[in-house]
Amino acid sequence: MNLHDVNEGIKKHKKLTRVGRGSGSGHGKTSGRGHKGQGQLAGWTLHPAFEGGQMPLYRRIPKRGFNNRWAKFVRTVNVGELNETFDAGADITPETLQGAIKGRYDILKILGDGDVTKKLKVSAHQFSKSAEEKIKAAGGEVVIIAGPAPVKKGEKRAKKKSAPVAKAKTSGK
């Protein structure tokens, strides 16, 4: 391929193939739909997972376990990574970790893998016991960020009391 023939054959406004315009066109009679079968009918479209009546792949594969779509996604960071990334006296929050942690998460948890030699102030939703001990042993500070309030099963929210509404008198005729 040469540079001068890169765009050869590419048209900006390609004409649609007009089917059903006689046998001379090459798309006459059945208009490219073939003979018989459900594909010949107008308005019929093939389902993406249809395999010609064969047992579809999504039904052949065994399903195991449970995937909770409402579960909180927990992102973990080790203490050793914080020690390497940040300088002594740094204030570490989920916002400052934005570049180091990629992707979306609901809860940030600090784990205790690695060593801490610097004094760090770390703010996160959860800490493992070893991580908390290592940060405090290095002279740092641990701040637990309040997450969303947990839903307690069987308890209802207290209803807000509204101001009493005065009823208008109506004539009873």
Protein backbone atom coordinates (compact mmCIF):
# COMPACT_ATOMS: atom_id res chain seq x y z
CA MET A 1 0.00 0.00 0.00
CA ASN A 2 1.24 3.43 -0.93
CA LEU A 3 0.25 6.77 0.49
CA HIS A 4 -1.53 7.89 -2.68
CA ASP A 5 -3.97 4.93 -2.68
CA VAL A 6 -4.94 4.99 1.02
CA ASN A 7 -8.33 6.59 0.38
CA GLU A 8 -8.96 4.84 -2.93
CA GLY A 9 -12.45 3.32 -3.10
CA ILE A 10 -13.68 5.17 0.00
CA LYS A 11 -16.70 7.32 -0.77
CA LYS A 12 -18.15 9.92 1.56
CA HIS A 13 -21.77 9.36 0.49
CA LYS A 14 -22.14 5.71 -0.55
CA LYS A 15 -25.41 4.92 -2.31
CA LEU A 16 -27.63 2.25 -0.77
CA THR A 17 -28.08 -0.97 -2.77
CA ARG A 18 -31.55 -0.89 -4.32
CA VAL A 19 -32.92 -4.42 -4.03
CA GLY A 20 -35.91 -5.87 -5.87
CA ARG A 21 -35.25 -4.01 -9.11
CA GLY A 22 -35.19 -6.92 -11.55
CA SER A 23 -32.98 -9.91 -12.26
CA GLY A 24 -30.48 -7.80 -14.18
CA SER A 25 -29.48 -5.93 -11.04
CA GLY A 26 -28.23 -9.08 -9.27
CA HIS A 27 -30.54 -8.29 -6.34
CA GLY A 28 -33.90 -9.09 -7.91
CA LYS A 29 -36.58 -11.66 -7.08
CA THR A 30 -35.61 -12.69 -3.51
CA SER A 31 -33.62 -9.45 -3.01
CA GLY A 32 -30.68 -11.21 -1.38
CA ARG A 33 -32.84 -12.95 1.25
CA GLY A 34 -32.59 -16.43 -0.25
CA HIS A 35 -35.38 -18.98 -0.65
CA LYS A 36 -37.75 -20.01 2.16
CA GLY A 37 -37.11 -19.77 5.88
CA GLN A 38 -37.89 -17.09 8.40
CA GLY A 39 -35.17 -14.78 7.06
CA GLN A 40 -37.23 -14.11 3.92
CA LEU A 41 -39.95 -12.27 5.84
CA ALA A 42 -40.10 -8.49 6.14
CA GLY A 43 -39.53 -7.09 9.60
CA TRP A 44 -37.76 -10.21 10.85
CA THR A 45 -34.44 -9.73 12.61
CA LEU A 46 -32.14 -12.38 14.04
CA HIS A 47 -31.68 -12.34 17.82
CA PRO A 48 -27.97 -11.82 18.63
CA ALA A 49 -27.82 -15.00 20.74
CA PHE A 50 -29.82 -17.16 18.29
CA GLU A 51 -27.84 -20.22 17.22
CA GLY A 52 -30.21 -21.79 14.71
CA GLY A 53 -32.25 -23.71 17.26
CA GLN A 54 -29.18 -25.17 18.96
CA MET A 55 -29.03 -24.78 22.76
CA PRO A 56 -27.60 -21.25 23.16
CA LEU A 57 -24.25 -20.69 24.82
CA TYR A 58 -25.73 -18.67 27.69
CA ARG A 59 -27.90 -21.70 28.58
CA ARG A 60 -25.11 -24.27 28.14
CA ILE A 61 -22.72 -22.62 30.59
CA PRO A 62 -23.29 -23.50 34.27
CA LYS A 63 -24.26 -20.67 36.57
CA ARG A 64 -22.71 -20.73 40.03
CA GLY A 65 -22.76 -18.42 43.02
CA PHE A 66 -24.35 -15.07 43.57
CA ASN A 67 -23.34 -11.66 42.31
CA ASN A 68 -24.72 -8.84 44.44
CA ARG A 69 -25.18 -5.88 42.13
CA TRP A 70 -25.80 -3.53 45.09
CA ALA A 71 -22.68 -4.51 47.03
CA LYS A 72 -20.26 -1.72 47.94
CA PHE A 73 -17.06 -1.85 45.90
CA VAL A 74 -14.06 -1.73 48.25
CA ARG A 75 -10.71 -0.47 46.90
CA THR A 76 -7.66 -1.45 48.94
CA VAL A 77 -4.31 0.31 49.33
CA ASN A 78 -1.36 -1.07 51.29
CA VAL A 79 0.59 0.95 53.84
CA GLY A 80 3.84 0.20 51.98
CA GLU A 81 2.48 1.89 48.83
CA LEU A 82 1.56 5.01 50.83
CA ASN A 83 5.06 5.09 52.35
CA GLU A 84 6.67 4.97 48.88
CA THR A 85 4.31 7.45 47.20
CA PHE A 86 3.98 10.24 49.78
CA ASP A 87 6.49 12.41 51.65
CA ALA A 88 6.72 12.66 55.44
CA GLY A 89 3.96 14.78 57.00
CA ALA A 90 1.64 14.32 54.03
CA ASP A 91 -2.14 14.47 54.49
CA ILE A 92 -3.53 11.45 52.60
CA THR A 93 -7.23 11.51 51.65
CA PRO A 94 -9.25 9.74 48.93
CA GLU A 95 -8.90 12.94 46.85
CA THR A 96 -5.07 12.93 47.06
CA LEU A 97 -5.04 9.23 46.12
CA GLN A 98 -7.03 9.98 42.94
CA GLY A 99 -4.02 9.48 40.64
CA ALA A 100 -2.70 6.40 42.43
CA ILE A 101 -6.07 4.62 42.57
CA LYS A 102 -7.74 4.07 39.25
CA GLY A 103 -11.43 3.34 38.81
CA ARG A 104 -14.58 3.85 40.82
CA TYR A 105 -14.98 2.70 44.42
CA ASP A 106 -17.42 3.18 47.27
CA ILE A 107 -15.14 2.39 50.22
CA LEU A 108 -11.40 2.96 50.58
CA LYS A 109 -9.65 0.49 52.92
CA ILE A 110 -6.03 0.75 54.05
CA LEU A 111 -4.28 -2.61 54.55
CA GLY A 112 -1.12 -3.31 56.57
CA ASP A 113 1.19 -4.87 53.96
CA GLY A 114 4.59 -3.14 53.99
CA ASP A 115 6.35 -0.84 56.43
CA VAL A 116 5.78 2.79 57.40
CA THR A 117 8.83 4.95 58.16
CA LYS A 118 7.22 8.36 57.64
CA LYS A 119 4.74 10.31 59.73
CA LEU A 120 1.53 10.31 57.69
CA LYS A 121 -2.01 11.52 58.35
CA VAL A 122 -4.23 8.99 56.56
CA SER A 123 -7.98 9.46 56.03
CA ALA A 124 -10.00 6.48 54.75
CA HIS A 125 -13.31 4.68 55.30
CA GLN A 126 -11.74 1.56 56.85
CA PHE A 127 -8.39 0.41 58.24
CA SER A 128 -7.08 -3.04 59.06
CA LYS A 129 -5.74 -3.44 62.61
CA SER A 130 -2.16 -3.94 61.40
CA ALA A 131 -2.33 -0.85 59.17
CA GLU A 132 -3.66 1.27 62.02
CA GLU A 133 -0.91 0.02 64.36
CA LYS A 134 1.86 0.65 61.80
CA ILE A 135 0.72 4.20 61.02
CA LYS A 136 0.42 5.10 64.73
CA ALA A 137 3.79 3.46 65.52
CA ALA A 138 5.46 5.71 62.92
CA GLY A 139 3.91 8.77 64.65
CA GLY A 140 1.15 9.21 62.11
CA GLU A 141 -2.57 9.79 62.52
CA VAL A 142 -5.56 7.68 61.44
CA VAL A 143 -8.83 9.42 60.48
CA ILE A 144 -11.91 7.31 59.73
CA ILE A 145 -14.23 8.91 57.16
CA ALA A 146 -17.91 8.32 57.74
CA GLY A 147 -19.47 6.45 54.85
CA PRO A 148 -23.17 6.15 54.02
CA ALA A 149 -25.32 5.09 56.95
CA PRO A 150 -25.92 1.31 56.96
CA VAL A 151 -29.45 0.09 56.36
CA LYS A 152 -30.76 -1.67 59.46
CA LYS A 153 -33.06 -4.53 58.66
CA GLY A 154 -36.53 -4.33 60.20
CA GLU A 155 -36.28 -0.66 61.18
CA LYS A 156 -38.24 2.09 59.52
CA ARG A 157 -37.23 5.71 59.22
CA ALA A 158 -39.00 8.09 61.59
CA LYS A 159 -41.66 10.10 59.78
CA LYS A 160 -41.30 13.85 59.77
CA LYS A 161 -44.06 15.63 61.66
CA SER A 162 -45.79 18.14 59.46
CA ALA A 163 -47.61 21.26 60.65
CA PRO A 164 -51.35 20.70 61.28
CA VAL A 165 -53.53 21.70 58.35
CA ALA A 166 -56.55 23.92 59.11
CA LYS A 167 -59.77 22.61 57.56
CA ALA A 168 -62.01 25.10 55.80
CA LYS A 169 -65.69 25.15 56.76
CA THR A 170 -68.08 24.20 54.00
CA SER A 171 -71.76 25.02 53.92
CA GLY A 172 -73.83 21.84 54.35
CA LYS A 173 -76.82 22.45 52.09
